[in-house]
N, C-alpha and C. Protein backbone atom coordinates (compact mmCIF):
# COMPACT_ATOMS: atom_id res chain seq x y z
N MET A 1 -26.50 23.81 -20.58
CA MET A 1 -26.15 22.55 -21.19
C MET A 1 -26.13 21.47 -20.10
N ARG A 2 -26.54 20.28 -20.52
CA ARG A 2 -26.61 19.17 -19.56
C ARG A 2 -26.04 17.91 -20.21
N THR A 3 -25.23 17.20 -19.48
CA THR A 3 -24.62 15.97 -20.00
C THR A 3 -25.69 14.89 -20.09
N ILE A 4 -25.79 14.30 -21.27
CA ILE A 4 -26.75 13.23 -21.49
C ILE A 4 -26.06 11.86 -21.44
N VAL A 5 -24.79 11.81 -21.84
CA VAL A 5 -24.05 10.54 -21.80
C VAL A 5 -22.55 10.83 -21.78
N THR A 6 -21.81 9.96 -21.11
CA THR A 6 -20.34 10.00 -21.18
C THR A 6 -19.88 8.64 -21.68
N SER A 7 -18.84 8.66 -22.51
CA SER A 7 -18.36 7.40 -23.07
C SER A 7 -16.99 7.61 -23.69
N ASN A 8 -16.26 6.52 -23.81
CA ASN A 8 -15.00 6.51 -24.54
C ASN A 8 -15.16 5.81 -25.89
N ASN A 9 -16.37 5.40 -26.21
CA ASN A 9 -16.64 4.67 -27.45
C ASN A 9 -17.08 5.64 -28.53
N PRO A 10 -16.19 5.96 -29.48
CA PRO A 10 -16.55 6.95 -30.51
C PRO A 10 -17.68 6.49 -31.43
N VAL A 11 -17.82 5.20 -31.65
CA VAL A 11 -18.90 4.70 -32.50
C VAL A 11 -20.25 4.92 -31.82
N ARG A 12 -20.32 4.59 -30.55
CA ARG A 12 -21.57 4.79 -29.80
C ARG A 12 -21.92 6.27 -29.72
N LEU A 13 -20.93 7.11 -29.45
CA LEU A 13 -21.18 8.54 -29.38
C LEU A 13 -21.67 9.09 -30.71
N SER A 14 -21.10 8.60 -31.80
CA SER A 14 -21.54 9.02 -33.12
C SER A 14 -23.00 8.61 -33.36
N PHE A 15 -23.34 7.39 -32.99
CA PHE A 15 -24.71 6.90 -33.16
C PHE A 15 -25.70 7.73 -32.34
N LEU A 16 -25.35 7.98 -31.08
CA LEU A 16 -26.24 8.75 -30.21
C LEU A 16 -26.39 10.19 -30.70
N THR A 17 -25.31 10.75 -31.19
CA THR A 17 -25.37 12.10 -31.77
C THR A 17 -26.30 12.11 -32.97
N ALA A 18 -26.19 11.10 -33.83
CA ALA A 18 -27.06 11.01 -35.01
C ALA A 18 -28.52 10.88 -34.62
N LEU A 19 -28.81 10.08 -33.58
CA LEU A 19 -30.20 9.94 -33.11
C LEU A 19 -30.78 11.31 -32.72
N LEU A 20 -30.00 12.06 -31.96
CA LEU A 20 -30.49 13.35 -31.48
C LEU A 20 -30.56 14.37 -32.61
N THR A 21 -29.59 14.37 -33.48
CA THR A 21 -29.59 15.30 -34.62
C THR A 21 -30.79 15.04 -35.51
N ASP A 22 -31.09 13.77 -35.77
CA ASP A 22 -32.26 13.42 -36.58
C ASP A 22 -33.56 13.90 -35.94
N ALA A 23 -33.57 14.01 -34.62
CA ALA A 23 -34.75 14.49 -33.90
C ALA A 23 -34.77 16.01 -33.77
N GLY A 24 -33.75 16.66 -34.33
CA GLY A 24 -33.70 18.12 -34.27
C GLY A 24 -33.11 18.68 -32.99
N ILE A 25 -32.39 17.85 -32.26
CA ILE A 25 -31.76 18.29 -31.01
C ILE A 25 -30.29 18.56 -31.28
N GLU A 26 -29.86 19.77 -30.97
CA GLU A 26 -28.46 20.13 -31.16
C GLU A 26 -27.62 19.54 -30.03
N THR A 27 -26.47 18.98 -30.39
CA THR A 27 -25.57 18.37 -29.41
C THR A 27 -24.20 19.04 -29.47
N VAL A 28 -23.48 18.91 -28.39
CA VAL A 28 -22.09 19.37 -28.32
C VAL A 28 -21.29 18.26 -27.66
N MET A 29 -20.11 17.95 -28.23
CA MET A 29 -19.23 16.95 -27.65
C MET A 29 -18.13 17.68 -26.87
N LEU A 30 -18.02 17.36 -25.59
CA LEU A 30 -17.01 17.98 -24.74
C LEU A 30 -15.92 16.97 -24.39
N ASP A 31 -14.75 17.47 -24.11
CA ASP A 31 -13.59 16.68 -23.67
C ASP A 31 -12.96 15.84 -24.76
N THR A 32 -13.29 16.09 -26.01
CA THR A 32 -12.70 15.32 -27.10
C THR A 32 -11.19 15.52 -27.15
N HIS A 33 -10.75 16.76 -27.12
CA HIS A 33 -9.32 17.03 -27.23
C HIS A 33 -8.56 16.57 -26.00
N ALA A 34 -9.15 16.72 -24.83
CA ALA A 34 -8.50 16.26 -23.60
C ALA A 34 -8.35 14.75 -23.62
N SER A 35 -9.36 14.07 -24.12
CA SER A 35 -9.33 12.62 -24.19
C SER A 35 -8.23 12.15 -25.14
N ILE A 36 -8.09 12.82 -26.27
CA ILE A 36 -7.06 12.46 -27.25
C ILE A 36 -5.68 12.81 -26.71
N ALA A 37 -5.53 13.99 -26.12
CA ALA A 37 -4.24 14.44 -25.62
C ALA A 37 -3.73 13.55 -24.50
N GLU A 38 -4.63 13.06 -23.67
CA GLU A 38 -4.25 12.20 -22.56
C GLU A 38 -3.60 10.92 -23.08
N GLY A 39 -4.13 10.40 -24.18
CA GLY A 39 -3.55 9.21 -24.78
C GLY A 39 -4.04 7.91 -24.16
N SER A 40 -4.72 7.98 -23.06
CA SER A 40 -5.25 6.78 -22.42
C SER A 40 -6.74 6.71 -22.71
N GLY A 41 -7.17 5.67 -23.37
CA GLY A 41 -8.55 5.55 -23.81
C GLY A 41 -9.60 5.73 -22.74
N ALA A 42 -9.35 5.24 -21.53
CA ALA A 42 -10.38 5.28 -20.51
C ALA A 42 -10.18 6.40 -19.48
N ALA A 43 -9.12 7.16 -19.60
CA ALA A 43 -8.80 8.15 -18.57
C ALA A 43 -9.80 9.31 -18.56
N ILE A 44 -10.14 9.85 -19.71
CA ILE A 44 -11.03 11.00 -19.79
C ILE A 44 -12.14 10.69 -20.79
N PRO A 45 -13.32 10.32 -20.31
CA PRO A 45 -14.41 10.05 -21.24
C PRO A 45 -14.93 11.34 -21.88
N ARG A 46 -15.46 11.21 -23.06
CA ARG A 46 -16.08 12.34 -23.76
C ARG A 46 -17.50 12.49 -23.24
N ARG A 47 -17.98 13.75 -23.24
CA ARG A 47 -19.33 14.03 -22.76
C ARG A 47 -20.17 14.58 -23.90
N LEU A 48 -21.33 13.99 -24.10
CA LEU A 48 -22.31 14.47 -25.07
C LEU A 48 -23.32 15.29 -24.29
N VAL A 49 -23.46 16.56 -24.65
CA VAL A 49 -24.36 17.45 -23.91
C VAL A 49 -25.42 18.02 -24.84
N VAL A 50 -26.56 18.34 -24.23
CA VAL A 50 -27.68 18.96 -24.94
C VAL A 50 -28.16 20.15 -24.10
N ALA A 51 -28.94 21.01 -24.71
CA ALA A 51 -29.52 22.14 -23.99
C ALA A 51 -30.45 21.61 -22.90
N GLU A 52 -30.50 22.34 -21.82
CA GLU A 52 -31.33 21.94 -20.67
C GLU A 52 -32.78 21.65 -21.10
N GLU A 53 -33.33 22.49 -21.97
CA GLU A 53 -34.73 22.29 -22.37
C GLU A 53 -34.92 21.08 -23.27
N ASP A 54 -33.85 20.58 -23.90
CA ASP A 54 -33.93 19.39 -24.75
C ASP A 54 -33.67 18.10 -24.00
N PHE A 55 -33.19 18.20 -22.78
CA PHE A 55 -32.78 17.02 -22.03
C PHE A 55 -33.90 15.98 -21.86
N PRO A 56 -35.10 16.34 -21.42
CA PRO A 56 -36.16 15.32 -21.26
C PRO A 56 -36.48 14.60 -22.57
N ARG A 57 -36.55 15.34 -23.66
CA ARG A 57 -36.86 14.71 -24.95
C ARG A 57 -35.70 13.81 -25.41
N ALA A 58 -34.47 14.24 -25.16
CA ALA A 58 -33.30 13.43 -25.53
C ALA A 58 -33.30 12.12 -24.73
N CYS A 59 -33.63 12.20 -23.46
CA CYS A 59 -33.73 10.99 -22.64
C CYS A 59 -34.78 10.04 -23.19
N ARG A 60 -35.92 10.58 -23.58
CA ARG A 60 -36.99 9.75 -24.15
C ARG A 60 -36.53 9.08 -25.44
N ILE A 61 -35.83 9.82 -26.28
CA ILE A 61 -35.33 9.26 -27.55
C ILE A 61 -34.37 8.11 -27.27
N PHE A 62 -33.49 8.27 -26.30
CA PHE A 62 -32.56 7.20 -25.97
C PHE A 62 -33.29 5.97 -25.42
N ARG A 63 -34.29 6.18 -24.57
CA ARG A 63 -35.07 5.06 -24.05
C ARG A 63 -35.79 4.32 -25.18
N GLU A 64 -36.41 5.07 -26.08
CA GLU A 64 -37.14 4.45 -27.20
C GLU A 64 -36.21 3.69 -28.13
N ALA A 65 -34.96 4.12 -28.22
CA ALA A 65 -33.98 3.46 -29.07
C ALA A 65 -33.29 2.29 -28.36
N GLY A 66 -33.64 2.09 -27.09
CA GLY A 66 -33.04 1.00 -26.32
C GLY A 66 -31.64 1.30 -25.83
N GLU A 67 -31.31 2.56 -25.76
CA GLU A 67 -29.96 2.95 -25.32
C GLU A 67 -29.88 3.19 -23.82
N TRP A 68 -31.02 3.15 -23.12
CA TRP A 68 -31.05 3.28 -21.66
C TRP A 68 -31.90 2.22 -21.08
């Protein structure tokens, strides 16, 4: 697994997850519970990860969508 983006913005993370899911790329969100438990919005960002073999295609999708 490889981190494709880190963010504290749940709306952006949801959008990026939807982009990748629509392209058939499975995603996993890490650090969600730690971020919530900490209670500080910026202390622990959430990480969106994809399989190593999907990483180049996920990067391309983000570039084409204007997210990078």
